[in-house]
Amino acid sequence: MRRLRLDSAAIASAGYDADTAVLELEFTSGDVYRYFAVPPSVHRALRDADSAGRFFRERIRDVYPSELIR
């Protein structure tokens, strides 16, 4: 999945597959997670957020099922 860089201290890049509703996040730590059943509006809001890290903590983490990729 192609990811785009984010201007964030916590999240290095984010990618989204609209066909499967999978959001892939690469954190600045190097960890990569996939989040499932994420609506396109949440991906757009993450990209547009003033703080991607805060948006992630409040609207994605512990909301959508996820798996560690690496």
PDB file of N, CA and C in Angstrom:
ATOM      1  N   MET A   1       0.848  -1.172   0.000  1.00  0.00           N
ATOM      2  CA  MET A   1       0.000   0.000   0.000  1.00  0.00           C
ATOM      3  C   MET A   1       0.899   1.242   0.000  1.00  0.00           C
ATOM      4  N   ARG A   2       0.578   2.169  -0.840  1.00  0.00           N
ATOM      5  CA  ARG A   2       1.336   3.415  -0.917  1.00  0.00           C
ATOM      6  C   ARG A   2       0.913   4.349   0.216  1.00  0.00           C
ATOM      7  N   ARG A   3       1.901   4.827   0.952  1.00  0.00           N
ATOM      8  CA  ARG A   3       1.627   5.746   2.064  1.00  0.00           C
ATOM      9  C   ARG A   3       2.182   7.120   1.746  1.00  0.00           C
ATOM     10  N   LEU A   4       1.507   8.151   2.247  1.00  0.00           N
ATOM     11  CA  LEU A   4       1.947   9.527   2.091  1.00  0.00           C
ATOM     12  C   LEU A   4       2.476  10.040   3.418  1.00  0.00           C
ATOM     13  N   ARG A   5       3.533  10.813   3.361  1.00  0.00           N
ATOM     14  CA  ARG A   5       4.129  11.398   4.562  1.00  0.00           C
ATOM     15  C   ARG A   5       3.155  12.344   5.242  1.00  0.00           C
ATOM     16  N   LEU A   6       3.177  12.314   6.571  1.00  0.00           N
ATOM     17  CA  LEU A   6       2.387  13.251   7.363  1.00  0.00           C
ATOM     18  C   LEU A   6       3.340  14.156   8.128  1.00  0.00           C
ATOM     19  N   ASP A   7       2.927  15.381   8.362  1.00  0.00           N
ATOM     20  CA  ASP A   7       3.704  16.310   9.170  1.00  0.00           C
ATOM     21  C   ASP A   7       3.298  16.086  10.622  1.00  0.00           C
ATOM     22  N   SER A   8       3.907  15.077  11.240  1.00  0.00           N
ATOM     23  CA  SER A   8       3.507  14.661  12.580  1.00  0.00           C
ATOM     24  C   SER A   8       4.725  14.136  13.335  1.00  0.00           C
ATOM     25  N   ALA A   9       4.760  14.402  14.622  1.00  0.00           N
ATOM     26  CA  ALA A   9       5.833  13.874  15.463  1.00  0.00           C
ATOM     27  C   ALA A   9       5.623  12.397  15.777  1.00  0.00           C
ATOM     28  N   ALA A  10       4.394  11.897  15.636  1.00  0.00           N
ATOM     29  CA  ALA A  10       4.076  10.523  16.006  1.00  0.00           C
ATOM     30  C   ALA A  10       3.890   9.599  14.804  1.00  0.00           C
ATOM     31  N   ILE A  11       3.320  10.106  13.723  1.00  0.00           N
ATOM     32  CA  ILE A  11       2.970   9.282  12.568  1.00  0.00           C
ATOM     33  C   ILE A  11       3.783   9.736  11.363  1.00  0.00           C
ATOM     34  N   ALA A  12       4.603   8.837  10.837  1.00  0.00           N
ATOM     35  CA  ALA A  12       5.465   9.174   9.703  1.00  0.00           C
ATOM     36  C   ALA A  12       4.684   9.213   8.395  1.00  0.00           C
ATOM     37  N   SER A  13       3.787   8.225   8.198  1.00  0.00           N
ATOM     38  CA  SER A  13       3.043   8.160   6.939  1.00  0.00           C
ATOM     39  C   SER A  13       1.738   7.408   7.129  1.00  0.00           C
ATOM     40  N   ALA A  14       0.826   7.651   6.194  1.00  0.00           N
ATOM     41  CA  ALA A  14      -0.485   6.995   6.236  1.00  0.00           C
ATOM     42  C   ALA A  14      -0.897   6.616   4.821  1.00  0.00           C
ATOM     43  N   GLY A  15      -1.481   5.425   4.697  1.00  0.00           N
ATOM     44  CA  GLY A  15      -2.025   4.973   3.428  1.00  0.00           C
ATOM     45  C   GLY A  15      -3.431   4.448   3.656  1.00  0.00           C
ATOM     46  N   TYR A  16      -4.232   4.448   2.600  1.00  0.00           N
ATOM     47  CA  TYR A  16      -5.614   4.004   2.740  1.00  0.00           C
ATOM     48  C   TYR A  16      -6.047   3.273   1.483  1.00  0.00           C
ATOM     49  N   ASP A  17      -6.726   2.145   1.668  1.00  0.00           N
ATOM     50  CA  ASP A  17      -7.310   1.386   0.572  1.00  0.00           C
ATOM     51  C   ASP A  17      -8.825   1.465   0.716  1.00  0.00           C
ATOM     52  N   ALA A  18      -9.458   2.249  -0.135  1.00  0.00           N
ATOM     53  CA  ALA A  18     -10.907   2.456  -0.043  1.00  0.00           C
ATOM     54  C   ALA A  18     -11.691   1.183  -0.339  1.00  0.00           C
ATOM     55  N   ASP A  19     -11.142   0.306  -1.191  1.00  0.00           N
ATOM     56  CA  ASP A  19     -11.856  -0.933  -1.539  1.00  0.00           C
ATOM     57  C   ASP A  19     -12.012  -1.858  -0.338  1.00  0.00           C
ATOM     58  N   THR A  20     -11.014  -1.869   0.541  1.00  0.00           N
ATOM     59  CA  THR A  20     -11.059  -2.760   1.711  1.00  0.00           C
ATOM     60  C   THR A  20     -11.251  -2.014   3.026  1.00  0.00           C
ATOM     61  N   ALA A  21     -11.270  -0.679   2.978  1.00  0.00           N
ATOM     62  CA  ALA A  21     -11.405   0.170   4.168  1.00  0.00           C
ATOM     63  C   ALA A  21     -10.296  -0.086   5.181  1.00  0.00           C
ATOM     64  N   VAL A  22      -9.071  -0.270   4.656  1.00  0.00           N
ATOM     65  CA  VAL A  22      -7.904  -0.506   5.506  1.00  0.00           C
ATOM     66  C   VAL A  22      -7.039   0.750   5.520  1.00  0.00           C
ATOM     67  N   LEU A  23      -6.737   1.182   6.731  1.00  0.00           N
ATOM     68  CA  LEU A  23      -5.839   2.313   6.959  1.00  0.00           C
ATOM     69  C   LEU A  23      -4.518   1.753   7.460  1.00  0.00           C
ATOM     70  N   GLU A  24      -3.425   2.137   6.821  1.00  0.00           N
ATOM     71  CA  GLU A  24      -2.111   1.667   7.228  1.00  0.00           C
ATOM     72  C   GLU A  24      -1.308   2.859   7.727  1.00  0.00           C
ATOM     73  N   LEU A  25      -0.804   2.750   8.935  1.00  0.00           N
ATOM     74  CA  LEU A  25      -0.041   3.837   9.545  1.00  0.00           C
ATOM     75  C   LEU A  25       1.365   3.374   9.877  1.00  0.00           C
ATOM     76  N   GLU A  26       2.337   4.173   9.477  1.00  0.00           N
ATOM     77  CA  GLU A  26       3.723   3.965   9.878  1.00  0.00           C
ATOM     78  C   GLU A  26       4.036   5.022  10.932  1.00  0.00           C
ATOM     79  N   PHE A  27       4.418   4.562  12.107  1.00  0.00           N
ATOM     80  CA  PHE A  27       4.737   5.475  13.199  1.00  0.00           C
ATOM     81  C   PHE A  27       6.209   5.852  13.139  1.00  0.00           C
ATOM     82  N   THR A  28       6.564   6.945  13.771  1.00  0.00           N
ATOM     83  CA  THR A  28       7.954   7.396  13.758  1.00  0.00           C
ATOM     84  C   THR A  28       8.875   6.397  14.455  1.00  0.00           C
ATOM     85  N   SER A  29       8.320   5.512  15.244  1.00  0.00           N
ATOM     86  CA  SER A  29       9.108   4.443  15.887  1.00  0.00           C
ATOM     87  C   SER A  29       9.536   3.377  14.893  1.00  0.00           C
ATOM     88  N   GLY A  30       8.897   3.366  13.710  1.00  0.00           N
ATOM     89  CA  GLY A  30       9.161   2.340  12.705  1.00  0.00           C
ATOM     90  C   GLY A  30       8.090   1.273  12.644  1.00  0.00           C
ATOM     91  N   ASP A  31       7.232   1.191  13.659  1.00  0.00           N
ATOM     92  CA  ASP A  31       6.131   0.222  13.652  1.00  0.00           C
ATOM     93  C   ASP A  31       5.118   0.588  12.568  1.00  0.00           C
ATOM     94  N   VAL A  32       4.555  -0.431  11.936  1.00  0.00           N
ATOM     95  CA  VAL A  32       3.509  -0.243  10.931  1.00  0.00           C
ATOM     96  C   VAL A  32       2.297  -1.058  11.361  1.00  0.00           C
ATOM     97  N   TYR A  33       1.156  -0.410  11.436  1.00  0.00           N
ATOM     98  CA  TYR A  33      -0.096  -1.054  11.818  1.00  0.00           C
ATOM     99  C   TYR A  33      -1.118  -0.891  10.715  1.00  0.00           C
ATOM    100  N   ARG A  34      -1.989  -1.872  10.596  1.00  0.00           N
ATOM    101  CA  ARG A  34      -3.168  -1.770   9.730  1.00  0.00           C
ATOM    102  C   ARG A  34      -4.403  -1.722  10.617  1.00  0.00           C
ATOM    103  N   TYR A  35      -5.298  -0.824  10.267  1.00  0.00           N
ATOM    104  CA  TYR A  35      -6.574  -0.654  10.972  1.00  0.00           C
ATOM    105  C   TYR A  35      -7.683  -0.978   9.986  1.00  0.00           C
ATOM    106  N   PHE A  36      -8.656  -1.758  10.445  1.00  0.00           N
ATOM    107  CA  PHE A  36      -9.679  -2.305   9.565  1.00  0.00           C
ATOM    108  C   PHE A  36     -11.039  -1.632   9.774  1.00  0.00           C
ATOM    109  N   ALA A  37     -11.834  -1.620   8.706  1.00  0.00           N
ATOM    110  CA  ALA A  37     -13.195  -1.058   8.708  1.00  0.00           C
ATOM    111  C   ALA A  37     -13.183   0.436   9.015  1.00  0.00           C
ATOM    112  N   VAL A  38     -12.175   1.124   8.499  1.00  0.00           N
ATOM    113  CA  VAL A  38     -12.044   2.568   8.715  1.00  0.00           C
ATOM    114  C   VAL A  38     -12.740   3.296   7.560  1.00  0.00           C
ATOM    115  N   PRO A  39     -13.719   4.138   7.863  1.00  0.00           N
ATOM    116  CA  PRO A  39     -14.414   4.870   6.802  1.00  0.00           C
ATOM    117  C   PRO A  39     -13.482   5.871   6.106  1.00  0.00           C
ATOM    118  N   PRO A  40     -13.735   6.142   4.832  1.00  0.00           N
ATOM    119  CA  PRO A  40     -12.916   7.123   4.112  1.00  0.00           C
ATOM    120  C   PRO A  40     -12.886   8.486   4.807  1.00  0.00           C
ATOM    121  N   SER A  41     -13.971   8.862   5.430  1.00  0.00           N
ATOM    122  CA  SER A  41     -14.022  10.168   6.107  1.00  0.00           C
ATOM    123  C   SER A  41     -13.015  10.256   7.256  1.00  0.00           C
ATOM    124  N   VAL A  42     -12.753   9.147   7.908  1.00  0.00           N
ATOM    125  CA  VAL A  42     -11.775   9.138   9.009  1.00  0.00           C
ATOM    126  C   VAL A  42     -10.370   9.299   8.435  1.00  0.00           C
ATOM    127  N   HIS A  43     -10.095   8.644   7.332  1.00  0.00           N
ATOM    128  CA  HIS A  43      -8.787   8.809   6.689  1.00  0.00           C
ATOM    129  C   HIS A  43      -8.586  10.257   6.264  1.00  0.00           C
ATOM    130  N   ARG A  44      -9.579  10.855   5.640  1.00  0.00           N
ATOM    131  CA  ARG A  44      -9.473  12.257   5.217  1.00  0.00           C
ATOM    132  C   ARG A  44      -9.253  13.175   6.416  1.00  0.00           C
ATOM    133  N   ALA A  45     -10.006  12.932   7.481  1.00  0.00           N
ATOM    134  CA  ALA A  45      -9.882  13.768   8.681  1.00  0.00           C
ATOM    135  C   ALA A  45      -8.493  13.625   9.310  1.00  0.00           C
ATOM    136  N   LEU A  46      -7.937  12.425   9.281  1.00  0.00           N
ATOM    137  CA  LEU A  46      -6.582  12.228   9.799  1.00  0.00           C
ATOM    138  C   LEU A  46      -5.586  13.052   8.993  1.00  0.00           C
ATOM    139  N   ARG A  47      -5.679  12.986   7.677  1.00  0.00           N
ATOM    140  CA  ARG A  47      -4.772  13.753   6.814  1.00  0.00           C
ATOM    141  C   ARG A  47      -4.898  15.249   7.049  1.00  0.00           C
ATOM    142  N   ASP A  48      -6.100  15.724   7.338  1.00  0.00           N
ATOM    143  CA  ASP A  48      -6.357  17.155   7.477  1.00  0.00           C
ATOM    144  C   ASP A  48      -6.230  17.672   8.907  1.00  0.00           C
ATOM    145  N   ALA A  49      -6.018  16.782   9.854  1.00  0.00           N
ATOM    146  CA  ALA A  49      -5.997  17.172  11.270  1.00  0.00           C
ATOM    147  C   ALA A  49      -4.804  18.078  11.580  1.00  0.00           C
ATOM    148  N   ASP A  50      -5.019  19.022  12.483  1.00  0.00           N
ATOM    149  CA  ASP A  50      -3.922  19.867  12.954  1.00  0.00           C
ATOM    150  C   ASP A  50      -2.869  19.027  13.658  1.00  0.00           C
ATOM    151  N   SER A  51      -3.310  17.992  14.385  1.00  0.00           N
ATOM    152  CA  SER A  51      -2.408  17.065  15.054  1.00  0.00           C
ATOM    153  C   SER A  51      -2.833  15.645  14.711  1.00  0.00           C
ATOM    154  N   ALA A  52      -2.075  15.005  13.813  1.00  0.00           N
ATOM    155  CA  ALA A  52      -2.405  13.631  13.418  1.00  0.00           C
ATOM    156  C   ALA A  52      -2.299  12.687  14.611  1.00  0.00           C
ATOM    157  N   GLY A  53      -1.325  12.916  15.481  1.00  0.00           N
ATOM    158  CA  GLY A  53      -1.156  12.059  16.651  1.00  0.00           C
ATOM    159  C   GLY A  53      -2.345  12.127  17.587  1.00  0.00           C
ATOM    160  N   ARG A  54      -2.814  13.327  17.848  1.00  0.00           N
ATOM    161  CA  ARG A  54      -3.981  13.493  18.725  1.00  0.00           C
ATOM    162  C   ARG A  54      -5.226  12.896  18.078  1.00  0.00           C
ATOM    163  N   PHE A  55      -5.407  13.135  16.774  1.00  0.00           N
ATOM    164  CA  PHE A  55      -6.553  12.559  16.069  1.00  0.00           C
ATOM    165  C   PHE A  55      -6.509  11.043  16.155  1.00  0.00           C
ATOM    166  N   PHE A  56      -5.328  10.468  15.949  1.00  0.00           N
ATOM    167  CA  PHE A  56      -5.180   9.021  16.047  1.00  0.00           C
ATOM    168  C   PHE A  56      -5.591   8.522  17.429  1.00  0.00           C
ATOM    169  N   ARG A  57      -5.078   9.154  18.468  1.00  0.00           N
ATOM    170  CA  ARG A  57      -5.392   8.714  19.837  1.00  0.00           C
ATOM    171  C   ARG A  57      -6.882   8.823  20.152  1.00  0.00           C
ATOM    172  N   GLU A  58      -7.523   9.867  19.666  1.00  0.00           N
ATOM    173  CA  GLU A  58      -8.928  10.109  19.999  1.00  0.00           C
ATOM    174  C   GLU A  58      -9.920   9.394  19.089  1.00  0.00           C
ATOM    175  N   ARG A  59      -9.562   9.158  17.810  1.00  0.00           N
ATOM    176  CA  ARG A  59     -10.549   8.682  16.852  1.00  0.00           C
ATOM    177  C   ARG A  59     -10.236   7.353  16.171  1.00  0.00           C
ATOM    178  N   ILE A  60      -8.998   6.831  16.363  1.00  0.00           N
ATOM    179  CA  ILE A  60      -8.630   5.593  15.662  1.00  0.00           C
ATOM    180  C   ILE A  60      -8.179   4.510  16.631  1.00  0.00           C
ATOM    181  N   ARG A  61      -7.180   4.822  17.448  1.00  0.00           N
ATOM    182  CA  ARG A  61      -6.664   3.818  18.399  1.00  0.00           C
ATOM    183  C   ARG A  61      -7.789   3.371  19.320  1.00  0.00           C
ATOM    184  N   ASP A  62      -7.880   2.104  19.570  1.00  0.00           N
ATOM    185  CA  ASP A  62      -8.895   1.500  20.445  1.00  0.00           C
ATOM    186  C   ASP A  62     -10.317   1.629  19.886  1.00  0.00           C
ATOM    187  N   VAL A  63     -10.458   2.091  18.635  1.00  0.00           N
ATOM    188  CA  VAL A  63     -11.775   2.173  18.000  1.00  0.00           C
ATOM    189  C   VAL A  63     -11.898   1.108  16.906  1.00  0.00           C
ATOM    190  N   TYR A  64     -10.854   0.968  16.102  1.00  0.00           N
ATOM    191  CA  TYR A  64     -10.878   0.029  14.977  1.00  0.00           C
ATOM    192  C   TYR A  64      -9.954  -1.153  15.251  1.00  0.00           C
ATOM    193  N   PRO A  65     -10.329  -2.353  14.809  1.00  0.00           N
ATOM    194  CA  PRO A  65      -9.457  -3.505  14.979  1.00  0.00           C
ATOM    195  C   PRO A  65      -8.172  -3.275  14.192  1.00  0.00           C
ATOM    196  N   SER A  66      -7.071  -3.787  14.735  1.00  0.00           N
ATOM    197  CA  SER A  66      -5.778  -3.532  14.106  1.00  0.00           C
ATOM    198  C   SER A  66      -4.863  -4.742  14.203  1.00  0.00           C
ATOM    199  N   GLU A  67      -3.803  -4.688  13.389  1.00  0.00           N
ATOM    200  CA  GLU A  67      -2.748  -5.690  13.495  1.00  0.00           C
ATOM    201  C   GLU A  67      -1.420  -5.017  13.215  1.00  0.00           C
ATOM    202  N   LEU A  68      -0.399  -5.475  13.920  1.00  0.00           N
ATOM    203  CA  LEU A  68       0.960  -5.010  13.716  1.00  0.00           C
ATOM    204  C   LEU A  68       1.530  -5.711  12.491  1.00  0.00           C
ATOM    205  N   ILE A  69       2.018  -4.942  11.534  1.00  0.00           N
ATOM    206  CA  ILE A  69       2.596  -5.492  10.311  1.00  0.00           C
ATOM    207  C   ILE A  69       4.095  -5.670  10.482  1.00  0.00           C
ATOM    208  N   ARG A  70       4.735  -4.651  11.077  1.00  0.00           N
ATOM    209  CA  ARG A  70       6.169  -4.751  11.380  1.00  0.00           C
ATOM    210  C   ARG A  70       6.530  -3.768  12.462  1.00  0.00           C
TER     211      ARG A  70
END
